Amino acid sequence: MTIPAGNREGVLISEHLTWDESSAAAPPTFALGEAEGKLRVLLPRAKWDAIADEVRVEFNRRLKQEGRKSGSWKTGANPVSRLLGKELVLLAWAIEEADPALTPTAVKNWLGLVPEERWWLYTMTSAATGHALQGRGKGWRKAVRYALTENPVTDSPHEPPPVFELRSHAGESASKPVTPKTTRASRRPRSKQKEAD
């Protein structure tokens, strides 16, 4: 990712398959068919500024969990690991053509996804409409924008509803099978059930 010194220039997020600290990376390119330095998104500076802190906090939280040192954004080239880069590009795709007022909603929805969901969405979008310019506003790219900017979000944490609720009873072993409660119909003798039917 390249953050320009001037506030009027856009932030370039490109994909680099190789990275060498001692030599300069391949420059970002708009050229079709190029694997190295392929430009994925050109994000207006104001939109980058609106997500930069939230993304930094999320990435640093994850880096800390892995026992790595945290990072910060700086002017110039900012190498980001490939998986985190996919997640960043996904959020950038969501807001690149969206109303700036929807950016907080996009960030909340993006934060609500687990990394594997972000990677999958990136992969699907990248395969169909991953070019920085030619993919804008089409297909999966448009779908990502709607999914992250227009889905309702709340400030309360998301908790999936429990599918099964297991209760342990005092004195019962955990391995004892749970028997379903009987209903009135199942308590009647068979002959009476047949008559009732």
C-alpha atoms as a PDB file:
ATOM      1  CA  MET A   1       0.000   0.000   0.000  1.00  0.00           C
ATOM      2  CA  THR A   2       1.287   3.470  -0.860  1.00  0.00           C
ATOM      3  CA  ILE A   3       0.198   6.544   1.084  1.00  0.00           C
ATOM      4  CA  PRO A   4       1.176   9.733  -0.747  1.00  0.00           C
ATOM      5  CA  ALA A   5       2.576  12.754   1.063  1.00  0.00           C
ATOM      6  CA  GLY A   6      -0.084  15.069  -0.345  1.00  0.00           C
ATOM      7  CA  ASN A   7      -3.651  15.011   0.970  1.00  0.00           C
ATOM      8  CA  ARG A   8      -5.137  15.361  -2.507  1.00  0.00           C
ATOM      9  CA  GLU A   9      -3.672  12.193  -3.994  1.00  0.00           C
ATOM     10  CA  GLY A  10      -5.358   8.820  -3.598  1.00  0.00           C
ATOM     11  CA  VAL A  11      -4.009   5.883  -1.616  1.00  0.00           C
ATOM     12  CA  LEU A  12      -2.834   3.018  -3.835  1.00  0.00           C
ATOM     13  CA  ILE A  13      -3.392  -0.521  -2.610  1.00  0.00           C
ATOM     14  CA  SER A  14      -1.581  -3.048  -4.747  1.00  0.00           C
ATOM     15  CA  GLU A  15      -0.847  -6.761  -4.506  1.00  0.00           C
ATOM     16  CA  HIS A  16       2.761  -7.912  -4.427  1.00  0.00           C
ATOM     17  CA  LEU A  17       3.503 -11.621  -4.501  1.00  0.00           C
ATOM     18  CA  THR A  18       7.146 -11.139  -3.483  1.00  0.00           C
ATOM     19  CA  TRP A  19       8.691  -8.640  -1.099  1.00  0.00           C
ATOM     20  CA  ASP A  20      12.328  -7.967  -0.370  1.00  0.00           C
ATOM     21  CA  GLU A  21      13.201  -5.471   2.362  1.00  0.00           C
ATOM     22  CA  SER A  22      16.601  -4.712   0.791  1.00  0.00           C
ATOM     23  CA  SER A  23      15.290  -3.813  -2.654  1.00  0.00           C
ATOM     24  CA  ALA A  24      12.378  -1.730  -3.798  1.00  0.00           C
ATOM     25  CA  ALA A  25       9.176  -3.564  -4.601  1.00  0.00           C
ATOM     26  CA  ALA A  26       7.719  -3.517  -8.077  1.00  0.00           C
ATOM     27  CA  PRO A  27       5.751  -0.298  -8.556  1.00  0.00           C
ATOM     28  CA  PRO A  28       1.942  -0.514  -8.550  1.00  0.00           C
ATOM     29  CA  THR A  29       0.597  -0.988 -12.068  1.00  0.00           C
ATOM     30  CA  PHE A  30      -2.745  -0.567 -13.812  1.00  0.00           C
ATOM     31  CA  ALA A  31      -1.604  -2.913 -16.615  1.00  0.00           C
ATOM     32  CA  LEU A  32      -3.836  -5.910 -17.249  1.00  0.00           C
ATOM     33  CA  GLY A  33      -2.244  -9.339 -16.962  1.00  0.00           C
ATOM     34  CA  GLU A  34       0.447  -8.234 -14.523  1.00  0.00           C
ATOM     35  CA  ALA A  35       0.652 -10.368 -11.394  1.00  0.00           C
ATOM     36  CA  GLU A  36       3.285  -8.382  -9.519  1.00  0.00           C
ATOM     37  CA  GLY A  37       2.273  -4.949  -8.273  1.00  0.00           C
ATOM     38  CA  LYS A  38      -1.289  -5.310  -9.551  1.00  0.00           C
ATOM     39  CA  LEU A  39      -3.266  -2.304  -8.398  1.00  0.00           C
ATOM     40  CA  ARG A  40      -6.402  -3.483  -6.602  1.00  0.00           C
ATOM     41  CA  VAL A  41      -7.900  -0.184  -5.519  1.00  0.00           C
ATOM     42  CA  LEU A  42      -7.282   3.541  -5.747  1.00  0.00           C
ATOM     43  CA  LEU A  43      -8.937   5.056  -2.690  1.00  0.00           C
ATOM     44  CA  PRO A  44      -9.557   8.805  -2.309  1.00  0.00           C
ATOM     45  CA  ARG A  45      -7.520  10.200   0.576  1.00  0.00           C
ATOM     46  CA  ALA A  46     -10.583  11.356   2.546  1.00  0.00           C
ATOM     47  CA  LYS A  47     -12.012   7.831   2.452  1.00  0.00           C
ATOM     48  CA  TRP A  48      -8.674   6.348   3.512  1.00  0.00           C
ATOM     49  CA  ASP A  49      -8.484   8.791   6.423  1.00  0.00           C
ATOM     50  CA  ALA A  50     -11.981   7.685   7.498  1.00  0.00           C
ATOM     51  CA  ILE A  51     -10.931   4.017   7.877  1.00  0.00           C
ATOM     52  CA  ALA A  52      -7.193   4.213   8.661  1.00  0.00           C
ATOM     53  CA  ASP A  53      -7.458   4.245  12.469  1.00  0.00           C
ATOM     54  CA  GLU A  54     -10.075   1.467  12.688  1.00  0.00           C
ATOM     55  CA  VAL A  55      -8.076  -0.763  10.351  1.00  0.00           C
ATOM     56  CA  ARG A  56      -4.836  -0.083  12.246  1.00  0.00           C
ATOM     57  CA  VAL A  57      -6.462  -0.971  15.581  1.00  0.00           C
ATOM     58  CA  GLU A  58      -7.963  -4.189  14.178  1.00  0.00           C
ATOM     59  CA  PHE A  59      -4.706  -5.285  12.533  1.00  0.00           C
ATOM     60  CA  ASN A  60      -2.617  -4.461  15.608  1.00  0.00           C
ATOM     61  CA  ARG A  61      -5.020  -6.445  17.803  1.00  0.00           C
ATOM     62  CA  ARG A  62      -4.522  -9.457  15.556  1.00  0.00           C
ATOM     63  CA  LEU A  63      -0.745  -8.986  15.377  1.00  0.00           C
ATOM     64  CA  LYS A  64      -0.622  -8.852  19.178  1.00  0.00           C
ATOM     65  CA  GLN A  65      -2.531 -12.146  19.385  1.00  0.00           C
ATOM     66  CA  GLU A  66       0.146 -13.710  17.178  1.00  0.00           C
ATOM     67  CA  GLY A  67       2.954 -12.289  19.335  1.00  0.00           C
ATOM     68  CA  ARG A  68       4.108  -9.805  16.691  1.00  0.00           C
ATOM     69  CA  LYS A  69       4.860  -6.145  17.123  1.00  0.00           C
ATOM     70  CA  SER A  70       2.246  -3.587  16.185  1.00  0.00           C
ATOM     71  CA  GLY A  71       2.532  -1.214  13.266  1.00  0.00           C
ATOM     72  CA  SER A  72       1.417   2.211  12.134  1.00  0.00           C
ATOM     73  CA  TRP A  73       0.702   3.873   8.798  1.00  0.00           C
ATOM     74  CA  LYS A  74       3.351   6.137   7.327  1.00  0.00           C
ATOM     75  CA  THR A  75       3.807   8.186   4.183  1.00  0.00           C
ATOM     76  CA  GLY A  76       5.176   6.076   1.342  1.00  0.00           C
ATOM     77  CA  ALA A  77       5.179   2.282   1.039  1.00  0.00           C
ATOM     78  CA  ASN A  78       3.449   0.339   3.809  1.00  0.00           C
ATOM     79  CA  PRO A  79       3.916  -3.409   3.396  1.00  0.00           C
ATOM     80  CA  VAL A  80       0.989  -5.400   4.797  1.00  0.00           C
ATOM     81  CA  SER A  81       0.905  -9.183   5.069  1.00  0.00           C
ATOM     82  CA  ARG A  82      -1.012 -10.870   2.278  1.00  0.00           C
ATOM     83  CA  LEU A  83      -4.019 -11.966   4.360  1.00  0.00           C
ATOM     84  CA  LEU A  84      -4.384  -8.624   6.126  1.00  0.00           C
ATOM     85  CA  GLY A  85      -3.989  -6.950   2.748  1.00  0.00           C
ATOM     86  CA  LYS A  86      -6.944  -8.935   1.382  1.00  0.00           C
ATOM     87  CA  GLU A  87      -9.066  -7.737   4.281  1.00  0.00           C
ATOM     88  CA  LEU A  88      -7.989  -4.138   3.754  1.00  0.00           C
ATOM     89  CA  VAL A  89      -8.776  -4.282   0.034  1.00  0.00           C
ATOM     90  CA  LEU A  90     -12.218  -5.729   0.767  1.00  0.00           C
ATOM     91  CA  LEU A  91     -13.098  -2.762   3.000  1.00  0.00           C
ATOM     92  CA  ALA A  92     -11.642  -0.320   0.463  1.00  0.00           C
ATOM     93  CA  TRP A  93     -13.766  -1.885  -2.300  1.00  0.00           C
ATOM     94  CA  ALA A  94     -16.846  -1.465  -0.128  1.00  0.00           C
ATOM     95  CA  ILE A  95     -16.354   2.267   0.349  1.00  0.00           C
ATOM     96  CA  GLU A  96     -14.599   3.362  -2.861  1.00  0.00           C
ATOM     97  CA  GLU A  97     -17.855   4.446  -4.576  1.00  0.00           C
ATOM     98  CA  ALA A  98     -20.146   4.625  -1.543  1.00  0.00           C
ATOM     99  CA  ASP A  99     -21.550   7.736   0.077  1.00  0.00           C
ATOM    100  CA  PRO A 100     -18.951   8.830   2.681  1.00  0.00           C
ATOM    101  CA  ALA A 101     -21.725   8.910   5.300  1.00  0.00           C
ATOM    102  CA  LEU A 102     -21.960   5.100   4.963  1.00  0.00           C
ATOM    103  CA  THR A 103     -18.296   4.493   5.830  1.00  0.00           C
ATOM    104  CA  PRO A 104     -18.921   3.923   9.578  1.00  0.00           C
ATOM    105  CA  THR A 105     -21.541   1.305   8.688  1.00  0.00           C
ATOM    106  CA  ALA A 106     -19.092  -0.416   6.336  1.00  0.00           C
ATOM    107  CA  VAL A 107     -16.417  -0.489   9.040  1.00  0.00           C
ATOM    108  CA  LYS A 108     -18.824  -1.977  11.599  1.00  0.00           C
ATOM    109  CA  ASN A 109     -19.984  -4.656   9.180  1.00  0.00           C
ATOM    110  CA  TRP A 110     -16.384  -5.396   8.166  1.00  0.00           C
ATOM    111  CA  LEU A 111     -15.386  -5.741  11.819  1.00  0.00           C
ATOM    112  CA  GLY A 112     -18.358  -8.077  12.303  1.00  0.00           C
ATOM    113  CA  LEU A 113     -16.903 -10.569   9.814  1.00  0.00           C
ATOM    114  CA  VAL A 114     -14.350 -13.139  10.883  1.00  0.00           C
ATOM    115  CA  PRO A 115     -11.095 -13.089   8.891  1.00  0.00           C
ATOM    116  CA  GLU A 116     -12.019 -16.212   6.927  1.00  0.00           C
ATOM    117  CA  GLU A 117     -15.225 -14.540   5.720  1.00  0.00           C
ATOM    118  CA  ARG A 118     -13.258 -11.491   4.620  1.00  0.00           C
ATOM    119  CA  TRP A 119     -10.737 -13.673   2.765  1.00  0.00           C
ATOM    120  CA  TRP A 120     -13.505 -15.576   0.979  1.00  0.00           C
ATOM    121  CA  LEU A 121     -15.267 -12.369  -0.077  1.00  0.00           C
ATOM    122  CA  TYR A 122     -11.970 -10.946  -1.292  1.00  0.00           C
ATOM    123  CA  THR A 123     -11.204 -14.082  -3.324  1.00  0.00           C
ATOM    124  CA  MET A 124     -14.616 -14.138  -5.002  1.00  0.00           C
ATOM    125  CA  THR A 125     -14.513 -10.421  -5.764  1.00  0.00           C
ATOM    126  CA  SER A 126     -10.913 -10.416  -6.920  1.00  0.00           C
ATOM    127  CA  ALA A 127     -11.482 -13.261  -9.372  1.00  0.00           C
ATOM    128  CA  ALA A 128     -14.337 -11.457 -11.116  1.00  0.00           C
ATOM    129  CA  THR A 129     -13.761  -7.730 -10.633  1.00  0.00           C
ATOM    130  CA  GLY A 130     -10.406  -7.288  -8.894  1.00  0.00           C
ATOM    131  CA  HIS A 131      -8.788  -4.714 -11.199  1.00  0.00           C
ATOM    132  CA  ALA A 132      -8.530  -1.253  -9.657  1.00  0.00           C
ATOM    133  CA  LEU A 133     -10.280   0.535 -12.516  1.00  0.00           C
ATOM    134  CA  GLN A 134     -11.997  -2.029 -14.737  1.00  0.00           C
ATOM    135  CA  GLY A 135     -13.675  -3.787 -11.827  1.00  0.00           C
ATOM    136  CA  ARG A 136     -15.215  -0.712 -10.208  1.00  0.00           C
ATOM    137  CA  GLY A 137     -18.967  -0.728  -9.691  1.00  0.00           C
ATOM    138  CA  LYS A 138     -19.539  -4.152 -11.252  1.00  0.00           C
ATOM    139  CA  GLY A 139     -20.624  -7.597 -10.118  1.00  0.00           C
ATOM    140  CA  TRP A 140     -19.056  -8.777  -6.889  1.00  0.00           C
ATOM    141  CA  ARG A 141     -17.493  -5.377  -6.285  1.00  0.00           C
ATOM    142  CA  LYS A 142     -20.934  -3.763  -6.280  1.00  0.00           C
ATOM    143  CA  ALA A 143     -22.311  -6.598  -4.124  1.00  0.00           C
ATOM    144  CA  VAL A 144     -19.561  -6.058  -1.522  1.00  0.00           C
ATOM    145  CA  ARG A 145     -20.415  -2.357  -1.420  1.00  0.00           C
ATOM    146  CA  TYR A 146     -24.081  -3.072  -0.745  1.00  0.00           C
ATOM    147  CA  ALA A 147     -23.338  -5.875   1.707  1.00  0.00           C
ATOM    148  CA  LEU A 148     -21.058  -3.763   3.877  1.00  0.00           C
ATOM    149  CA  THR A 149     -22.654  -0.324   3.570  1.00  0.00           C
ATOM    150  CA  GLU A 150     -26.375  -1.064   3.522  1.00  0.00           C
ATOM    151  CA  ASN A 151     -26.837  -3.926   5.943  1.00  0.00           C
ATOM    152  CA  PRO A 152     -28.156  -2.691   9.268  1.00  0.00           C
ATOM    153  CA  VAL A 153     -25.781  -2.817  12.191  1.00  0.00           C
ATOM    154  CA  THR A 154     -26.266  -2.221  15.879  1.00  0.00           C
ATOM    155  CA  ASP A 155     -23.852  -1.240  18.603  1.00  0.00           C
ATOM    156  CA  SER A 156     -24.657  -4.368  20.596  1.00  0.00           C
ATOM    157  CA  PRO A 157     -22.266  -7.276  20.036  1.00  0.00           C
ATOM    158  CA  HIS A 158     -23.498  -9.974  17.687  1.00  0.00           C
ATOM    159  CA  GLU A 159     -24.178 -13.314  19.327  1.00  0.00           C
ATOM    160  CA  PRO A 160     -25.584 -16.157  17.285  1.00  0.00           C
ATOM    161  CA  PRO A 161     -28.712 -17.727  18.785  1.00  0.00           C
ATOM    162  CA  PRO A 162     -28.057 -20.982  20.643  1.00  0.00           C
ATOM    163  CA  VAL A 163     -29.041 -23.998  18.569  1.00  0.00           C
ATOM    164  CA  PHE A 164     -29.001 -26.425  21.453  1.00  0.00           C
ATOM    165  CA  GLU A 165     -29.241 -25.656  25.115  1.00  0.00           C
ATOM    166  CA  LEU A 166     -27.822 -28.311  27.367  1.00  0.00           C
ATOM    167  CA  ARG A 167     -28.620 -28.238  31.032  1.00  0.00           C
ATOM    168  CA  SER A 168     -26.908 -30.338  33.603  1.00  0.00           C
ATOM    169  CA  HIS A 169     -28.999 -31.573  36.479  1.00  0.00           C
ATOM    170  CA  ALA A 170     -27.539 -32.031  39.928  1.00  0.00           C
ATOM    171  CA  GLY A 171     -26.416 -35.591  40.455  1.00  0.00           C
ATOM    172  CA  GLU A 172     -26.743 -36.619  36.787  1.00  0.00           C
ATOM    173  CA  SER A 173     -23.700 -37.506  34.761  1.00  0.00           C
ATOM    174  CA  ALA A 174     -22.915 -35.455  31.680  1.00  0.00           C
ATOM    175  CA  SER A 175     -22.933 -38.596  29.536  1.00  0.00           C
ATOM    176  CA  LYS A 176     -26.502 -39.575  30.439  1.00  0.00           C
ATOM    177  CA  PRO A 177     -28.746 -39.139  27.408  1.00  0.00           C
ATOM    178  CA  VAL A 178     -31.415 -36.493  27.611  1.00  0.00           C
ATOM    179  CA  THR A 179     -34.893 -37.951  27.156  1.00  0.00           C
ATOM    180  CA  PRO A 180     -37.570 -35.802  25.588  1.00  0.00           C
ATOM    181  CA  LYS A 181     -40.546 -34.761  27.683  1.00  0.00           C
ATOM    182  CA  THR A 182     -43.681 -36.738  27.032  1.00  0.00           C
ATOM    183  CA  THR A 183     -46.824 -35.066  25.804  1.00  0.00           C
ATOM    184  CA  ARG A 184     -50.388 -35.886  26.770  1.00  0.00           C
ATOM    185  CA  ALA A 185     -50.949 -37.778  23.544  1.00  0.00           C
ATOM    186  CA  SER A 186     -47.923 -39.970  24.109  1.00  0.00           C
ATOM    187  CA  ARG A 187     -49.103 -40.858  27.648  1.00  0.00           C
ATOM    188  CA  ARG A 188     -52.422 -42.341  26.511  1.00  0.00           C
ATOM    189  CA  PRO A 189     -52.600 -46.082  25.999  1.00  0.00           C
ATOM    190  CA  ARG A 190     -52.263 -47.167  22.360  1.00  0.00           C
ATOM    191  CA  SER A 191     -55.804 -48.374  22.069  1.00  0.00           C
ATOM    192  CA  LYS A 192     -57.151 -44.989  23.159  1.00  0.00           C
ATOM    193  CA  GLN A 193     -54.831 -43.168  20.757  1.00  0.00           C
ATOM    194  CA  LYS A 194     -56.239 -45.214  17.845  1.00  0.00           C
ATOM    195  CA  GLU A 195     -59.791 -44.461  18.940  1.00  0.00           C
ATOM    196  CA  ALA A 196     -59.004 -40.737  19.183  1.00  0.00           C
ATOM    197  CA  ASP A 197     -57.548 -40.744  15.657  1.00  0.00           C
END
